[in-house]
Amino acid sequence: MKKWFIMLLTVILGLLGLAGCSNSNTTSGNGKDDKVEITYGFWDKKQVPAVEEIVKLFNEKYPNIKVKTELTPYGQYFQKLETAATGGALPDVMWMNGAHVEQYADGKVILPISDLAKKDNFSLDNYPKSLIDLYTVNGKVYGIPKDFDTTGLWYNKKIFDEAGVPYPDETWDWNKLKEVAKKLTNKDKGIWGYAALMGNQGGYYDFIWQNGGYIISDDGKSVGFDQPEAIEALKYNISFIKEGLSPTQAQMTETAASELFSSGKIAMMFDGPWMVPEYKNNPDLNVAVVPKGKQRAVAIHGLSNVIAANTKHKDAAWKFVQFLGSKEAAEIYAKTGTVIPAFNGTQDAWLQSVPTLNLKAFIEGVEYSVPLPSVKSTGEIWQYETDVLKKAWSEEESVEDAVKELTKKANDALSKK
């Protein structure tokens, strides 16, 4: 988010706050006649059934608070939030990720909830400390953790069986992944051995870390895309496309890799636990831990629920956020296999939710996981990654040229005050 946008949001939301402060704390939703409606914004359609079940339970406890859900695809989600924020039309409660929390907190777009939690004795110790820290900005907590995720190597058992190749296991490394991808690629049947996704989480971030590289330096002043370890990792990833072992970037843009994988056109791909609701319906699919490079590493991240700073129904929104962060809600996510719930002690139920899948691969990944970078300019840097690296993925320019441009743009973003 650019500096001018943060300044603009601060001014606009300040004015909106003055206009709405007279009733922001009066609609508790507890009385007989104070019925209110709040909106809940999120982006994953696969989680709709779980969300609807959670809302239903919430309404049994708070019948006077109606929750209207707003589903927006991730590709348009934050753009929509920016537009809604400047127009004073944000959802009362919404999903937030680590890449944007600092921007939205500094821009006073979302509400700090530390004091609310303290007032209501709402314990933040029920969640992994790393996730609470992720959503803490300048000493204040802005989001209640909802879930967390790592990366796994999903694979198609049928394709492996037909080729007479053993399934992936914890002994696999980069060489083994390439070796098996070659064996499973079958041009006559239109099958690729692996999908070389151009994505950071569950993609080139994992490879860079596995190769001993870094994304953002410890002091937060520079990126590591132009370092030898990162260049080697990116080249390895793209080599699957160059060697015909993966669909091209154009092919994966035309038809999502997840769809090609589900339909039996891709034998292996990196993906997260958020795909369990979709992949569990295909008996041919399973998941293993990701192969290792020089070391083991996968990205870890988690979403949280936040409250719009200018909500007119602060109390009702806070009650809903508390419920979304409850053990009851976590167990719904767990039993449906939707996501790995963040509430401590509920992950075991998630592991048992789909016994046909090796879901423990994602839990094992926590041991060697690396948090996704979270700085004020993370969202801006992610956009630069998408814009620039696609040139390398589509083989329009070399990895070296692409990372040179990306590094300059990303470092400029980091240097902004």
Protein backbone atom coordinates (compact mmCIF):
# COMPACT_ATOMS: atom_id res chain seq x y z
CA MET A 1 0.00 0.00 0.00
CA LYS A 2 1.46 3.31 -0.99
CA LYS A 3 2.18 6.04 1.53
CA TRP A 4 -0.40 8.38 0.02
CA PHE A 5 -3.07 5.72 0.37
CA ILE A 6 -2.33 5.23 4.07
CA MET A 7 -2.49 9.00 4.65
CA LEU A 8 -5.75 9.25 2.72
CA LEU A 9 -7.31 6.38 4.65
CA THR A 10 -6.28 7.93 7.95
CA VAL A 11 -8.03 11.20 7.10
CA ILE A 12 -11.15 9.60 5.63
CA LEU A 13 -11.60 7.05 8.39
CA GLY A 14 -11.01 9.73 10.99
CA LEU A 15 -13.92 11.72 9.55
CA LEU A 16 -16.05 8.60 9.27
CA GLY A 17 -15.22 7.72 12.83
CA LEU A 18 -16.45 11.12 14.04
CA ALA A 19 -19.64 10.64 12.09
CA GLY A 20 -20.29 7.17 13.41
CA CYS A 21 -18.91 7.26 16.95
CA SER A 22 -22.27 8.14 18.49
CA ASN A 23 -23.64 4.64 17.87
CA SER A 24 -20.51 2.51 17.43
CA ASN A 25 -20.74 1.07 20.93
CA THR A 26 -24.48 0.93 21.42
CA THR A 27 -25.49 -1.98 19.21
CA SER A 28 -24.54 -4.92 21.37
CA GLY A 29 -27.00 -7.37 19.85
CA ASN A 30 -27.95 -8.67 23.27
CA GLY A 31 -31.21 -6.82 23.88
CA LYS A 32 -34.63 -7.83 22.63
CA ASP A 33 -35.06 -4.89 20.31
CA ASP A 34 -31.51 -4.02 19.21
CA LYS A 35 -31.30 -6.27 16.17
CA VAL A 36 -28.32 -5.49 13.95
CA GLU A 37 -26.77 -6.81 10.76
CA ILE A 38 -23.03 -7.12 10.31
CA THR A 39 -21.12 -8.17 7.22
CA TYR A 40 -18.36 -10.77 7.06
CA GLY A 41 -15.87 -10.60 4.19
CA PHE A 42 -13.75 -13.58 3.11
CA TRP A 43 -12.32 -15.06 -0.08
CA ASP A 44 -12.36 -18.88 -0.17
CA LYS A 45 -15.51 -20.49 -1.60
CA LYS A 46 -14.32 -23.91 -0.38
CA GLN A 47 -14.85 -22.69 3.18
CA VAL A 48 -18.43 -21.54 2.62
CA PRO A 49 -20.03 -24.68 4.16
CA ALA A 50 -17.95 -24.35 7.34
CA VAL A 51 -18.58 -20.60 7.54
CA GLU A 52 -22.33 -21.13 7.16
CA GLU A 53 -22.32 -23.73 9.95
CA ILE A 54 -20.37 -21.39 12.23
CA VAL A 55 -22.74 -18.50 11.51
CA LYS A 56 -25.69 -20.76 12.30
CA LEU A 57 -24.21 -21.67 15.69
CA PHE A 58 -23.43 -18.03 16.37
CA ASN A 59 -27.04 -17.06 15.66
CA GLU A 60 -28.26 -19.64 18.17
CA LYS A 61 -26.27 -17.77 20.79
CA TYR A 62 -26.90 -14.25 19.45
CA PRO A 63 -30.22 -14.36 17.56
CA ASN A 64 -30.33 -10.57 17.26
CA ILE A 65 -27.09 -10.31 15.31
CA LYS A 66 -27.57 -11.19 11.66
CA VAL A 67 -24.40 -12.01 9.73
CA LYS A 68 -24.33 -11.31 6.00
CA THR A 69 -21.42 -13.04 4.25
CA GLU A 70 -19.52 -11.42 1.37
CA LEU A 71 -17.43 -13.81 -0.73
CA THR A 72 -14.80 -12.20 -2.96
CA PRO A 73 -12.15 -14.19 -4.90
CA TYR A 74 -8.67 -13.64 -3.49
CA GLY A 75 -7.45 -11.99 -6.68
CA GLN A 76 -9.89 -9.12 -6.16
CA TYR A 77 -10.20 -9.23 -2.37
CA PHE A 78 -7.70 -6.59 -1.24
CA GLN A 79 -8.40 -4.33 -4.18
CA LYS A 80 -12.05 -4.42 -3.13
CA LEU A 81 -11.11 -3.66 0.47
CA GLU A 82 -9.08 -0.63 -0.59
CA THR A 83 -12.00 0.71 -2.58
CA ALA A 84 -14.43 -0.06 0.23
CA ALA A 85 -12.16 1.58 2.81
CA THR A 86 -11.99 4.88 0.93
CA GLY A 87 -15.76 4.78 0.53
CA GLY A 88 -16.50 3.82 4.11
CA ALA A 89 -18.07 0.53 3.05
CA LEU A 90 -15.78 -2.10 4.57
CA PRO A 91 -17.25 -5.34 5.92
CA ASP A 92 -17.66 -5.13 9.69
CA VAL A 93 -15.57 -8.28 10.11
CA MET A 94 -13.16 -9.66 7.52
CA TRP A 95 -10.30 -12.03 6.82
CA MET A 96 -6.80 -10.61 6.99
CA ASN A 97 -3.44 -12.11 6.06
CA GLY A 98 0.04 -11.38 7.35
CA ALA A 99 1.09 -9.60 4.18
CA HIS A 100 -1.40 -6.77 4.69
CA VAL A 101 -1.97 -6.46 8.43
CA GLU A 102 0.72 -3.86 9.08
CA GLN A 103 -0.49 -1.70 6.20
CA TYR A 104 -4.10 -1.81 7.33
CA ALA A 105 -3.17 -1.26 10.97
CA ASP A 106 -0.97 1.75 10.21
CA GLY A 107 -3.67 3.13 7.95
CA LYS A 108 -6.19 2.82 10.81
CA VAL A 109 -8.38 0.68 8.57
CA ILE A 110 -8.75 -2.08 11.16
CA LEU A 111 -9.41 -1.93 14.88
CA PRO A 112 -6.88 -2.90 17.57
CA ILE A 113 -8.51 -5.51 19.77
CA SER A 114 -6.01 -5.93 22.60
CA ASP A 115 -8.07 -3.81 24.99
CA LEU A 116 -11.31 -5.54 23.99
CA ALA A 117 -9.75 -8.94 24.69
CA LYS A 118 -8.44 -7.76 28.06
CA LYS A 119 -11.79 -6.25 29.03
CA ASP A 120 -13.70 -9.47 28.24
CA ASN A 121 -10.99 -11.81 29.56
CA PHE A 122 -10.65 -13.26 26.08
CA SER A 123 -7.44 -15.29 26.25
CA LEU A 124 -4.96 -14.90 23.42
CA ASP A 125 -3.01 -17.84 24.85
CA ASN A 126 -5.41 -20.19 23.05
CA TYR A 127 -3.45 -19.68 19.81
CA PRO A 128 0.14 -20.28 18.70
CA LYS A 129 2.25 -17.33 19.83
CA SER A 130 3.75 -17.00 16.35
CA LEU A 131 0.31 -16.25 14.94
CA ILE A 132 -0.50 -13.69 17.64
CA ASP A 133 2.87 -12.07 16.96
CA LEU A 134 2.10 -12.02 13.24
CA TYR A 135 -0.98 -9.90 13.88
CA THR A 136 0.63 -7.64 16.47
CA VAL A 137 1.58 -4.18 15.19
CA ASN A 138 3.29 -1.62 17.43
CA GLY A 139 2.43 -3.67 20.49
CA LYS A 140 -1.27 -4.02 19.73
CA VAL A 141 -3.08 -7.15 18.52
CA TYR A 142 -5.28 -6.59 15.47
CA GLY A 143 -6.50 -10.07 14.56
CA ILE A 144 -7.72 -13.26 16.22
CA PRO A 145 -6.03 -16.24 14.51
CA LYS A 146 -8.34 -18.44 12.47
CA ASP A 147 -6.09 -21.12 11.00
CA PHE A 148 -2.56 -21.91 9.87
CA ASP A 149 -1.06 -23.77 6.99
CA THR A 150 2.17 -25.22 5.66
CA THR A 151 2.95 -26.92 2.33
CA GLY A 152 2.75 -30.53 1.21
CA LEU A 153 3.62 -32.48 -1.93
CA TRP A 154 0.28 -33.62 -3.32
CA TYR A 155 0.40 -36.57 -5.73
CA ASN A 156 -1.84 -38.79 -7.84
CA LYS A 157 -1.58 -42.43 -6.69
CA LYS A 158 -3.12 -43.77 -9.89
CA ILE A 159 -0.46 -42.16 -12.08
CA PHE A 160 2.28 -43.52 -9.80
CA ASP A 161 0.76 -47.01 -9.81
CA GLU A 162 0.40 -47.13 -13.58
CA ALA A 163 4.06 -46.10 -13.93
CA GLY A 164 5.18 -48.56 -11.25
CA VAL A 165 6.80 -45.79 -9.19
CA PRO A 166 6.77 -45.77 -5.35
CA TYR A 167 4.91 -42.91 -3.67
CA PRO A 168 6.80 -39.88 -2.31
CA ASP A 169 8.16 -40.09 1.24
CA GLU A 170 10.40 -38.18 3.65
CA THR A 171 13.59 -39.35 1.89
CA TRP A 172 12.86 -37.34 -1.24
CA ASP A 173 15.07 -34.43 -2.27
CA TRP A 174 15.24 -32.12 -5.30
CA ASN A 175 17.01 -34.74 -7.41
CA LYS A 176 14.37 -37.36 -6.62
CA LEU A 177 11.55 -34.95 -7.45
CA LYS A 178 13.05 -34.25 -10.88
CA GLU A 179 13.84 -37.93 -11.49
CA VAL A 180 10.27 -39.05 -10.74
CA ALA A 181 8.74 -36.15 -12.68
CA LYS A 182 10.57 -37.41 -15.75
CA LYS A 183 9.25 -40.94 -15.23
CA LEU A 184 5.65 -39.77 -14.78
CA THR A 185 5.51 -37.30 -17.65
CA ASN A 186 3.58 -38.93 -20.50
CA LYS A 187 2.98 -36.70 -23.49
CA ASP A 188 0.85 -39.34 -25.23
CA LYS A 189 -1.61 -39.27 -22.32
CA GLY A 190 -1.23 -35.52 -21.75
CA ILE A 191 0.24 -36.02 -18.27
CA TRP A 192 2.89 -33.78 -16.74
CA GLY A 193 5.01 -35.08 -13.90
CA TYR A 194 4.97 -31.88 -11.87
CA ALA A 195 3.44 -28.39 -11.80
CA ALA A 196 6.06 -25.66 -11.44
CA LEU A 197 3.78 -23.03 -9.95
CA MET A 198 4.71 -19.37 -9.97
CA GLY A 199 3.54 -18.78 -6.43
CA ASN A 200 5.50 -17.68 -3.38
CA GLN A 201 3.89 -19.67 -0.55
CA GLY A 202 3.97 -23.31 -1.59
CA GLY A 203 6.30 -22.42 -4.44
CA TYR A 204 9.52 -20.49 -4.99
CA TYR A 205 9.72 -19.22 -1.38
CA ASP A 206 9.97 -22.83 -0.20
CA PHE A 207 12.66 -23.61 -2.76
CA ILE A 208 14.68 -20.49 -1.89
CA TRP A 209 14.62 -21.33 1.82
CA GLN A 210 15.42 -24.99 1.10
CA ASN A 211 18.48 -23.80 -0.82
CA GLY A 212 19.72 -21.66 2.08
CA GLY A 213 18.50 -18.34 0.70
CA TYR A 214 16.24 -15.67 2.15
CA ILE A 215 13.36 -13.47 1.03
CA ILE A 216 13.82 -10.39 3.23
CA SER A 217 16.96 -9.71 5.27
CA ASP A 218 16.81 -9.81 9.05
CA ASP A 219 17.10 -6.02 9.25
CA GLY A 220 14.21 -5.64 6.80
CA LYS A 221 16.21 -3.42 4.44
CA SER A 222 16.75 -5.68 1.44
CA VAL A 223 15.47 -8.74 -0.39
CA GLY A 224 17.47 -11.79 -1.40
CA PHE A 225 16.08 -12.58 -4.85
CA ASP A 226 19.35 -11.68 -6.60
CA GLN A 227 21.49 -13.85 -4.33
CA PRO A 228 23.04 -17.06 -5.76
CA GLU A 229 20.90 -19.33 -3.56
CA ALA A 230 17.67 -17.71 -4.77
CA ILE A 231 18.71 -17.67 -8.43
CA GLU A 232 19.60 -21.36 -8.29
CA ALA A 233 16.27 -22.18 -6.63
CA LEU A 234 14.26 -20.22 -9.19
CA LYS A 235 16.13 -21.86 -12.06
CA TYR A 236 15.46 -25.30 -10.59
CA ASN A 237 11.74 -24.51 -10.33
CA ILE A 238 11.49 -23.19 -13.87
CA SER A 239 13.57 -26.08 -15.24
CA PHE A 240 10.52 -28.34 -15.00
CA ILE A 241 8.78 -26.13 -17.58
CA LYS A 242 11.85 -25.88 -19.83
CA GLU A 243 12.23 -29.66 -19.83
CA GLY A 244 8.57 -30.27 -20.64
CA LEU A 245 7.85 -31.86 -17.25
CA SER A 246 5.38 -29.16 -16.22
CA PRO A 247 2.62 -27.21 -17.96
CA THR A 248 3.77 -23.82 -19.17
CA GLN A 249 2.88 -20.63 -17.35
CA ALA A 250 0.35 -19.85 -20.11
CA GLN A 251 -1.28 -23.26 -19.72
CA MET A 252 -1.53 -22.88 -15.93
CA THR A 253 -3.01 -19.43 -16.42
CA GLU A 254 -5.63 -20.71 -18.85
CA THR A 255 -6.50 -23.68 -16.60
CA ALA A 256 -5.52 -23.58 -12.93
CA ALA A 257 -2.91 -26.16 -11.96
CA SER A 258 -5.22 -27.40 -9.22
CA GLU A 259 -7.84 -28.23 -11.85
CA LEU A 260 -5.29 -30.02 -14.03
CA PHE A 261 -4.16 -31.95 -10.97
CA SER A 262 -7.68 -32.89 -9.91
CA SER A 263 -8.45 -34.13 -13.42
CA GLY A 264 -5.40 -36.39 -13.57
CA LYS A 265 -3.27 -34.27 -15.92
CA ILE A 266 -0.59 -33.49 -13.33
CA ALA A 267 1.10 -36.14 -11.18
CA MET A 268 2.58 -33.93 -8.44
CA MET A 269 2.38 -30.38 -7.17
CA PHE A 270 3.05 -28.30 -4.07
CA ASP A 271 -0.14 -27.12 -2.40
CA GLY A 272 -1.59 -26.39 1.02
CA PRO A 273 -4.18 -27.84 3.39
CA TRP A 274 -6.72 -25.33 2.11
CA MET A 275 -7.17 -27.71 -0.84
CA VAL A 276 -8.31 -30.61 1.36
CA PRO A 277 -12.04 -29.84 0.88
CA GLU A 278 -11.59 -30.18 -2.88
CA TYR A 279 -8.93 -32.86 -3.16
CA LYS A 280 -10.51 -35.22 -0.61
CA ASN A 281 -13.26 -35.99 -3.11
CA ASN A 282 -10.77 -37.65 -5.46
CA PRO A 283 -9.69 -41.09 -4.10
CA ASP A 284 -6.60 -41.05 -6.33
CA LEU A 285 -4.99 -38.16 -4.44
CA ASN A 286 -2.80 -38.08 -1.35
CA VAL A 287 -0.11 -35.87 0.17
CA ALA A 288 3.43 -36.25 1.52
CA VAL A 289 6.00 -33.93 3.08
CA VAL A 290 7.79 -31.68 0.59
CA PRO A 291 11.20 -32.82 -0.72
CA LYS A 292 14.27 -31.24 0.85
CA GLY A 293 17.00 -29.21 -0.76
CA LYS A 294 20.14 -28.34 1.19
CA GLN A 295 17.75 -28.27 4.14
CA ARG A 296 14.06 -28.78 4.90
CA ALA A 297 11.85 -25.69 4.77
CA VAL A 298 8.24 -24.75 4.05
CA ALA A 299 6.32 -21.54 4.47
CA ILE A 300 3.91 -21.19 7.37
CA HIS A 301 1.13 -18.67 7.50
CA GLY A 302 -2.26 -18.21 9.07
CA LEU A 303 -5.30 -16.02 8.57
CA SER A 304 -7.04 -13.97 11.21
CA ASN A 305 -10.38 -12.25 11.65
CA VAL A 306 -10.27 -8.48 12.06
CA ILE A 307 -12.76 -5.67 12.68
CA ALA A 308 -13.18 -2.60 10.49
CA ALA A 309 -12.16 0.54 12.37
CA ASN A 310 -15.25 2.43 11.21
CA THR A 311 -17.82 -0.27 11.93
CA LYS A 312 -21.10 1.06 13.31
CA HIS A 313 -21.60 -2.19 15.21
CA LYS A 314 -18.39 -2.57 17.17
CA ASP A 315 -19.83 -4.65 20.00
CA ALA A 316 -21.67 -7.03 17.68
CA ALA A 317 -18.58 -7.37 15.47
CA TRP A 318 -16.41 -8.13 18.49
CA LYS A 319 -18.85 -10.79 19.70
CA PHE A 320 -18.71 -12.40 16.26
CA VAL A 321 -14.89 -12.28 16.14
CA GLN A 322 -14.73 -13.90 19.58
CA PHE A 323 -17.01 -16.69 18.36
CA LEU A 324 -14.98 -17.11 15.17
CA GLY A 325 -11.96 -17.59 17.42
CA SER A 326 -13.70 -20.03 19.75
CA LYS A 327 -13.06 -23.73 20.22
CA GLU A 328 -16.55 -24.40 18.81
CA ALA A 329 -15.73 -22.69 15.53
CA ALA A 330 -12.29 -24.33 15.37
CA GLU A 331 -13.85 -27.77 15.78
CA ILE A 332 -16.17 -27.11 12.85
CA TYR A 333 -13.18 -26.28 10.66
CA ALA A 334 -11.39 -29.33 12.04
CA LYS A 335 -14.10 -31.94 11.57
CA THR A 336 -14.86 -30.78 8.03
CA GLY A 337 -11.19 -30.86 7.09
CA THR A 338 -11.49 -27.31 5.81
CA VAL A 339 -8.32 -25.84 7.31
CA ILE A 340 -5.94 -26.49 10.20
CA PRO A 341 -7.62 -24.56 13.03
CA ALA A 342 -5.46 -22.18 15.05
CA PHE A 343 -7.16 -22.86 18.41
CA ASN A 344 -4.72 -24.94 20.44
CA GLY A 345 -5.75 -28.56 20.94
CA THR A 346 -8.12 -28.81 17.97
CA GLN A 347 -5.59 -29.96 15.36
CA ASP A 348 -6.00 -33.65 16.21
CA ALA A 349 -9.62 -33.55 15.10
CA TRP A 350 -8.46 -32.06 11.80
CA LEU A 351 -5.96 -34.90 11.32
CA GLN A 352 -8.80 -37.42 11.71
CA SER A 353 -11.23 -35.50 9.52
CA VAL A 354 -10.12 -37.20 6.29
CA PRO A 355 -8.51 -40.53 7.26
CA THR A 356 -7.76 -41.37 3.63
CA LEU A 357 -5.27 -38.48 3.41
CA ASN A 358 -1.87 -38.22 5.08
CA LEU A 359 -2.71 -34.86 6.67
CA LYS A 360 0.04 -35.20 9.25
CA ALA A 361 2.43 -34.13 6.47
CA PHE A 362 1.25 -30.57 7.05
CA ILE A 363 1.65 -30.78 10.82
CA GLU A 364 5.14 -32.26 10.45
CA GLY A 365 6.03 -29.27 8.29
CA VAL A 366 5.60 -26.95 11.27
CA GLU A 367 8.89 -28.26 12.68
CA TYR A 368 10.91 -26.76 9.84
CA SER A 369 8.56 -23.99 8.75
CA VAL A 370 9.53 -20.39 7.99
CA PRO A 371 6.99 -17.59 8.55
CA LEU A 372 5.92 -15.66 5.49
CA PRO A 373 7.58 -12.23 5.44
CA SER A 374 5.44 -9.53 7.02
CA VAL A 375 6.51 -5.90 6.62
CA LYS A 376 4.60 -2.77 5.71
CA SER A 377 5.44 -3.17 2.02
CA THR A 378 4.87 -6.94 1.77
CA GLY A 379 1.76 -6.55 -0.37
CA GLU A 380 3.59 -4.21 -2.74
CA ILE A 381 6.54 -6.59 -3.00
CA TRP A 382 4.22 -9.52 -3.72
CA GLN A 383 2.76 -7.57 -6.62
CA TYR A 384 6.24 -6.87 -7.98
CA GLU A 385 7.03 -10.59 -7.71
CA THR A 386 3.95 -11.43 -9.78
CA ASP A 387 4.62 -8.75 -12.40
CA VAL A 388 8.32 -9.45 -12.82
CA LEU A 389 8.79 -13.17 -12.24
CA LYS A 390 6.13 -14.08 -14.77
CA LYS A 391 8.63 -12.92 -17.40
CA ALA A 392 11.04 -15.60 -16.24
CA TRP A 393 8.31 -18.25 -15.88
CA SER A 394 7.13 -17.57 -19.42
CA GLU A 395 10.78 -17.60 -20.60
CA GLU A 396 10.54 -14.05 -21.93
CA GLU A 397 13.72 -13.17 -20.06
CA SER A 398 16.38 -14.84 -17.97
CA VAL A 399 16.07 -15.43 -14.24
CA GLU A 400 19.10 -13.18 -13.72
CA ASP A 401 17.47 -10.24 -15.53
CA ALA A 402 14.13 -10.77 -13.79
CA VAL A 403 15.58 -10.86 -10.27
CA LYS A 404 17.69 -7.78 -10.98
CA GLU A 405 14.54 -5.80 -11.78
CA LEU A 406 12.59 -7.38 -8.93
CA THR A 407 15.33 -6.67 -6.38
CA LYS A 408 15.51 -3.00 -7.30
CA LYS A 409 11.75 -2.52 -7.07
CA ALA A 410 11.43 -4.51 -3.84
CA ASN A 411 14.32 -2.72 -2.16
CA ASP A 412 12.82 0.63 -3.14
CA ALA A 413 9.58 -0.47 -1.51
CA LEU A 414 11.41 -1.47 1.67
CA SER A 415 13.18 1.89 1.83
CA LYS A 416 9.92 3.85 2.03
CA LYS A 417 9.21 5.33 5.43
